[in-house]
Every structure is written in structure tokens, then in C-alpha cells.
Amino acid sequence: MKPLKEKISITIDGDILERIKAEAEDDDRSLSQYINLVLKEHLKKKENEES
């Protein structure tokens, strides 16, 4: 079963948002999917560094 998703509201710098939108489009993902992927990868990397 897929994990439950939660909606949030964030404030992000315009230049960062434009880069993320471009990366998401290049990866053929929605903005939300791309941000989720990037955050998962970041957390996994941090977890590995702490081990």
C-alpha cells in the first residue's frame, strides 16, 4: 500500500523554484513528485553519512 501523502504550504525563493520546475520537467515528473524525490535522496544521503 502506498504511504499517505500530506499537503503542506511552503515559501521558496523564486530562483530555486524555477530551477526545480525545470529539473522536474526534464525528468518528466510533476513538481511535487520531483521535490519528494529530491528530499528522499537528501535524507537517505544524510542517514548514510551518520552511519
PDB file of N, CA and C in Angstrom:
ATOM      1  N   MET A   1       0.846  -1.183   0.000  1.00  0.00           N
ATOM      2  CA  MET A   1       0.000   0.000   0.000  1.00  0.00           C
ATOM      3  C   MET A   1       0.892   1.247   0.000  1.00  0.00           C
ATOM      4  N   LYS A   2       0.526   2.239  -0.795  1.00  0.00           N
ATOM      5  CA  LYS A   2       1.290   3.475  -0.881  1.00  0.00           C
ATOM      6  C   LYS A   2       1.189   4.253   0.430  1.00  0.00           C
ATOM      7  N   PRO A   3       2.283   4.935   0.806  1.00  0.00           N
ATOM      8  CA  PRO A   3       2.196   5.768   2.005  1.00  0.00           C
ATOM      9  C   PRO A   3       1.248   6.944   1.778  1.00  0.00           C
ATOM     10  N   LEU A   4       0.636   7.401   2.849  1.00  0.00           N
ATOM     11  CA  LEU A   4      -0.276   8.532   2.745  1.00  0.00           C
ATOM     12  C   LEU A   4       0.505   9.804   2.449  1.00  0.00           C
ATOM     13  N   LYS A   5      -0.062  10.632   1.637  1.00  0.00           N
ATOM     14  CA  LYS A   5       0.545  11.916   1.303  1.00  0.00           C
ATOM     15  C   LYS A   5      -0.139  12.997   2.122  1.00  0.00           C
ATOM     16  N   GLU A   6       0.616  14.021   2.441  1.00  0.00           N
ATOM     17  CA  GLU A   6       0.060  15.168   3.164  1.00  0.00           C
ATOM     18  C   GLU A   6       0.334  16.425   2.380  1.00  0.00           C
ATOM     19  N   LYS A   7      -0.614  17.323   2.387  1.00  0.00           N
ATOM     20  CA  LYS A   7      -0.446  18.606   1.724  1.00  0.00           C
ATOM     21  C   LYS A   7       0.149  19.596   2.708  1.00  0.00           C
ATOM     22  N   ILE A   8       1.112  20.379   2.200  1.00  0.00           N
ATOM     23  CA  ILE A   8       1.712  21.432   3.005  1.00  0.00           C
ATOM     24  C   ILE A   8       1.824  22.691   2.154  1.00  0.00           C
ATOM     25  N   SER A   9       2.119  23.775   2.795  1.00  0.00           N
ATOM     26  CA  SER A   9       2.371  25.021   2.096  1.00  0.00           C
ATOM     27  C   SER A   9       3.757  25.497   2.493  1.00  0.00           C
ATOM     28  N   ILE A  10       4.591  25.845   1.515  1.00  0.00           N
ATOM     29  CA  ILE A  10       5.936  26.331   1.812  1.00  0.00           C
ATOM     30  C   ILE A  10       6.194  27.622   1.048  1.00  0.00           C
ATOM     31  N   THR A  11       7.190  28.341   1.498  1.00  0.00           N
ATOM     32  CA  THR A  11       7.664  29.526   0.798  1.00  0.00           C
ATOM     33  C   THR A  11       9.062  29.196   0.289  1.00  0.00           C
ATOM     34  N   ILE A  12       9.289  29.451  -0.990  1.00  0.00           N
ATOM     35  CA  ILE A  12      10.570  29.110  -1.600  1.00  0.00           C
ATOM     36  C   ILE A  12      11.028  30.262  -2.485  1.00  0.00           C
ATOM     37  N   ASP A  13      12.329  30.472  -2.530  1.00  0.00           N
ATOM     38  CA  ASP A  13      12.880  31.536  -3.364  1.00  0.00           C
ATOM     39  C   ASP A  13      12.519  31.294  -4.825  1.00  0.00           C
ATOM     40  N   GLY A  14      12.197  32.365  -5.532  1.00  0.00           N
ATOM     41  CA  GLY A  14      11.772  32.261  -6.920  1.00  0.00           C
ATOM     42  C   GLY A  14      12.798  31.602  -7.829  1.00  0.00           C
ATOM     43  N   ASP A  15      14.085  31.940  -7.633  1.00  0.00           N
ATOM     44  CA  ASP A  15      15.108  31.354  -8.494  1.00  0.00           C
ATOM     45  C   ASP A  15      15.244  29.851  -8.265  1.00  0.00           C
ATOM     46  N   ILE A  16      15.086  29.413  -7.017  1.00  0.00           N
ATOM     47  CA  ILE A  16      15.149  27.986  -6.699  1.00  0.00           C
ATOM     48  C   ILE A  16      13.942  27.278  -7.318  1.00  0.00           C
ATOM     49  N   LEU A  17      12.778  27.887  -7.203  1.00  0.00           N
ATOM     50  CA  LEU A  17      11.563  27.289  -7.751  1.00  0.00           C
ATOM     51  C   LEU A  17      11.680  27.099  -9.259  1.00  0.00           C
ATOM     52  N   GLU A  18      12.210  28.078  -9.952  1.00  0.00           N
ATOM     53  CA  GLU A  18      12.356  27.964 -11.403  1.00  0.00           C
ATOM     54  C   GLU A  18      13.308  26.831 -11.770  1.00  0.00           C
ATOM     55  N   ARG A  19      14.388  26.676 -11.021  1.00  0.00           N
ATOM     56  CA  ARG A  19      15.335  25.577 -11.299  1.00  0.00           C
ATOM     57  C   ARG A  19      14.692  24.227 -11.023  1.00  0.00           C
ATOM     58  N   ILE A  20      13.936  24.133  -9.924  1.00  0.00           N
ATOM     59  CA  ILE A  20      13.283  22.865  -9.587  1.00  0.00           C
ATOM     60  C   ILE A  20      12.226  22.520 -10.635  1.00  0.00           C
ATOM     61  N   LYS A  21      11.469  23.504 -11.084  1.00  0.00           N
ATOM     62  CA  LYS A  21      10.467  23.268 -12.126  1.00  0.00           C
ATOM     63  C   LYS A  21      11.131  22.738 -13.397  1.00  0.00           C
ATOM     64  N   ALA A  22      12.255  23.330 -13.781  1.00  0.00           N
ATOM     65  CA  ALA A  22      12.964  22.892 -14.986  1.00  0.00           C
ATOM     66  C   ALA A  22      13.480  21.466 -14.821  1.00  0.00           C
ATOM     67  N   GLU A  23      14.045  21.159 -13.652  1.00  0.00           N
ATOM     68  CA  GLU A  23      14.550  19.810 -13.391  1.00  0.00           C
ATOM     69  C   GLU A  23      13.414  18.792 -13.416  1.00  0.00           C
ATOM     70  N   ALA A  24      12.281  19.144 -12.827  1.00  0.00           N
ATOM     71  CA  ALA A  24      11.127  18.245 -12.811  1.00  0.00           C
ATOM     72  C   ALA A  24      10.651  17.976 -14.237  1.00  0.00           C
ATOM     73  N   GLU A  25      10.598  19.013 -15.048  1.00  0.00           N
ATOM     74  CA  GLU A  25      10.160  18.845 -16.440  1.00  0.00           C
ATOM     75  C   GLU A  25      11.147  17.969 -17.214  1.00  0.00           C
ATOM     76  N   ASP A  26      12.446  18.200 -17.008  1.00  0.00           N
ATOM     77  CA  ASP A  26      13.461  17.392 -17.679  1.00  0.00           C
ATOM     78  C   ASP A  26      13.367  15.925 -17.278  1.00  0.00           C
ATOM     79  N   ASP A  27      12.938  15.677 -16.044  1.00  0.00           N
ATOM     80  CA  ASP A  27      12.826  14.314 -15.514  1.00  0.00           C
ATOM     81  C   ASP A  27      11.427  13.730 -15.759  1.00  0.00           C
ATOM     82  N   ASP A  28      10.584  14.486 -16.446  1.00  0.00           N
ATOM     83  CA  ASP A  28       9.209  14.083 -16.771  1.00  0.00           C
ATOM     84  C   ASP A  28       8.412  13.729 -15.512  1.00  0.00           C
ATOM     85  N   ARG A  29       8.523  14.604 -14.506  1.00  0.00           N
ATOM     86  CA  ARG A  29       7.799  14.430 -13.245  1.00  0.00           C
ATOM     87  C   ARG A  29       7.046  15.714 -12.922  1.00  0.00           C
ATOM     88  N   SER A  30       6.032  15.575 -12.069  1.00  0.00           N
ATOM     89  CA  SER A  30       5.365  16.776 -11.567  1.00  0.00           C
ATOM     90  C   SER A  30       6.305  17.460 -10.581  1.00  0.00           C
ATOM     91  N   LEU A  31       6.052  18.698 -10.322  1.00  0.00           N
ATOM     92  CA  LEU A  31       6.864  19.439  -9.357  1.00  0.00           C
ATOM     93  C   LEU A  31       6.837  18.748  -7.998  1.00  0.00           C
ATOM     94  N   SER A  32       5.663  18.344  -7.570  1.00  0.00           N
ATOM     95  CA  SER A  32       5.509  17.671  -6.285  1.00  0.00           C
ATOM     96  C   SER A  32       6.299  16.364  -6.239  1.00  0.00           C
ATOM     97  N   GLN A  33       6.196  15.565  -7.293  1.00  0.00           N
ATOM     98  CA  GLN A  33       6.929  14.301  -7.341  1.00  0.00           C
ATOM     99  C   GLN A  33       8.436  14.547  -7.288  1.00  0.00           C
ATOM    100  N   TYR A  34       8.888  15.551  -8.002  1.00  0.00           N
ATOM    101  CA  TYR A  34      10.324  15.836  -8.052  1.00  0.00           C
ATOM    102  C   TYR A  34      10.842  16.308  -6.691  1.00  0.00           C
ATOM    103  N   ILE A  35      10.121  17.199  -6.050  1.00  0.00           N
ATOM    104  CA  ILE A  35      10.536  17.678  -4.725  1.00  0.00           C
ATOM    105  C   ILE A  35      10.582  16.514  -3.743  1.00  0.00           C
ATOM    106  N   ASN A  36       9.594  15.636  -3.793  1.00  0.00           N
ATOM    107  CA  ASN A  36       9.554  14.467  -2.921  1.00  0.00           C
ATOM    108  C   ASN A  36      10.776  13.582  -3.162  1.00  0.00           C
ATOM    109  N   LEU A  37      11.112  13.351  -4.423  1.00  0.00           N
ATOM    110  CA  LEU A  37      12.273  12.538  -4.780  1.00  0.00           C
ATOM    111  C   LEU A  37      13.568  13.159  -4.255  1.00  0.00           C
ATOM    112  N   VAL A  38      13.727  14.441  -4.462  1.00  0.00           N
ATOM    113  CA  VAL A  38      14.933  15.141  -4.019  1.00  0.00           C
ATOM    114  C   VAL A  38      15.063  15.080  -2.496  1.00  0.00           C
ATOM    115  N   LEU A  39      13.976  15.278  -1.790  1.00  0.00           N
ATOM    116  CA  LEU A  39      14.015  15.219  -0.331  1.00  0.00           C
ATOM    117  C   LEU A  39      14.339  13.817   0.160  1.00  0.00           C
ATOM    118  N   LYS A  40      13.766  12.792  -0.462  1.00  0.00           N
ATOM    119  CA  LYS A  40      14.066  11.407  -0.080  1.00  0.00           C
ATOM    120  C   LYS A  40      15.552  11.113  -0.267  1.00  0.00           C
ATOM    121  N   GLU A  41      16.107  11.522  -1.419  1.00  0.00           N
ATOM    122  CA  GLU A  41      17.522  11.284  -1.699  1.00  0.00           C
ATOM    123  C   GLU A  41      18.410  12.022  -0.693  1.00  0.00           C
ATOM    124  N   HIS A  42      18.029  13.238  -0.357  1.00  0.00           N
ATOM    125  CA  HIS A  42      18.799  14.025   0.606  1.00  0.00           C
ATOM    126  C   HIS A  42      18.794  13.357   1.986  1.00  0.00           C
ATOM    127  N   LEU A  43      17.627  12.918   2.430  1.00  0.00           N
ATOM    128  CA  LEU A  43      17.520  12.270   3.737  1.00  0.00           C
ATOM    129  C   LEU A  43      18.282  10.950   3.771  1.00  0.00           C
ATOM    130  N   LYS A  44      18.235  10.202   2.679  1.00  0.00           N
ATOM    131  CA  LYS A  44      18.969   8.940   2.603  1.00  0.00           C
ATOM    132  C   LYS A  44      20.473   9.201   2.677  1.00  0.00           C
ATOM    133  N   LYS A  45      20.933  10.229   1.976  1.00  0.00           N
ATOM    134  CA  LYS A  45      22.349  10.597   1.999  1.00  0.00           C
ATOM    135  C   LYS A  45      22.783  10.988   3.408  1.00  0.00           C
ATOM    136  N   LYS A  46      21.972  11.788   4.082  1.00  0.00           N
ATOM    137  CA  LYS A  46      22.302  12.196   5.453  1.00  0.00           C
ATOM    138  C   LYS A  46      22.351  11.001   6.390  1.00  0.00           C
ATOM    139  N   GLU A  47      21.407  10.079   6.213  1.00  0.00           N
ATOM    140  CA  GLU A  47      21.350   8.873   7.042  1.00  0.00           C
ATOM    141  C   GLU A  47      22.626   8.045   6.849  1.00  0.00           C
ATOM    142  N   ASN A  48      23.074   7.919   5.599  1.00  0.00           N
ATOM    143  CA  ASN A  48      24.285   7.154   5.312  1.00  0.00           C
ATOM    144  C   ASN A  48      25.525   7.834   5.884  1.00  0.00           C
ATOM    145  N   GLU A  49      25.557   9.161   5.873  1.00  0.00           N
ATOM    146  CA  GLU A  49      26.691   9.897   6.436  1.00  0.00           C
ATOM    147  C   GLU A  49      26.755   9.741   7.952  1.00  0.00           C
ATOM    148  N   GLU A  50      25.609   9.605   8.580  1.00  0.00           N
ATOM    149  CA  GLU A  50      25.558   9.464  10.041  1.00  0.00           C
ATOM    150  C   GLU A  50      25.929   8.062  10.499  1.00  0.00           C
ATOM    151  N   SER A  51      25.865   7.101   9.589  1.00  0.00           N
ATOM    152  CA  SER A  51      26.173   5.702   9.950  1.00  0.00           C
ATOM    153  C   SER A  51      27.658   5.442   9.954  1.00  0.00           C
TER     154      SER A  51
END
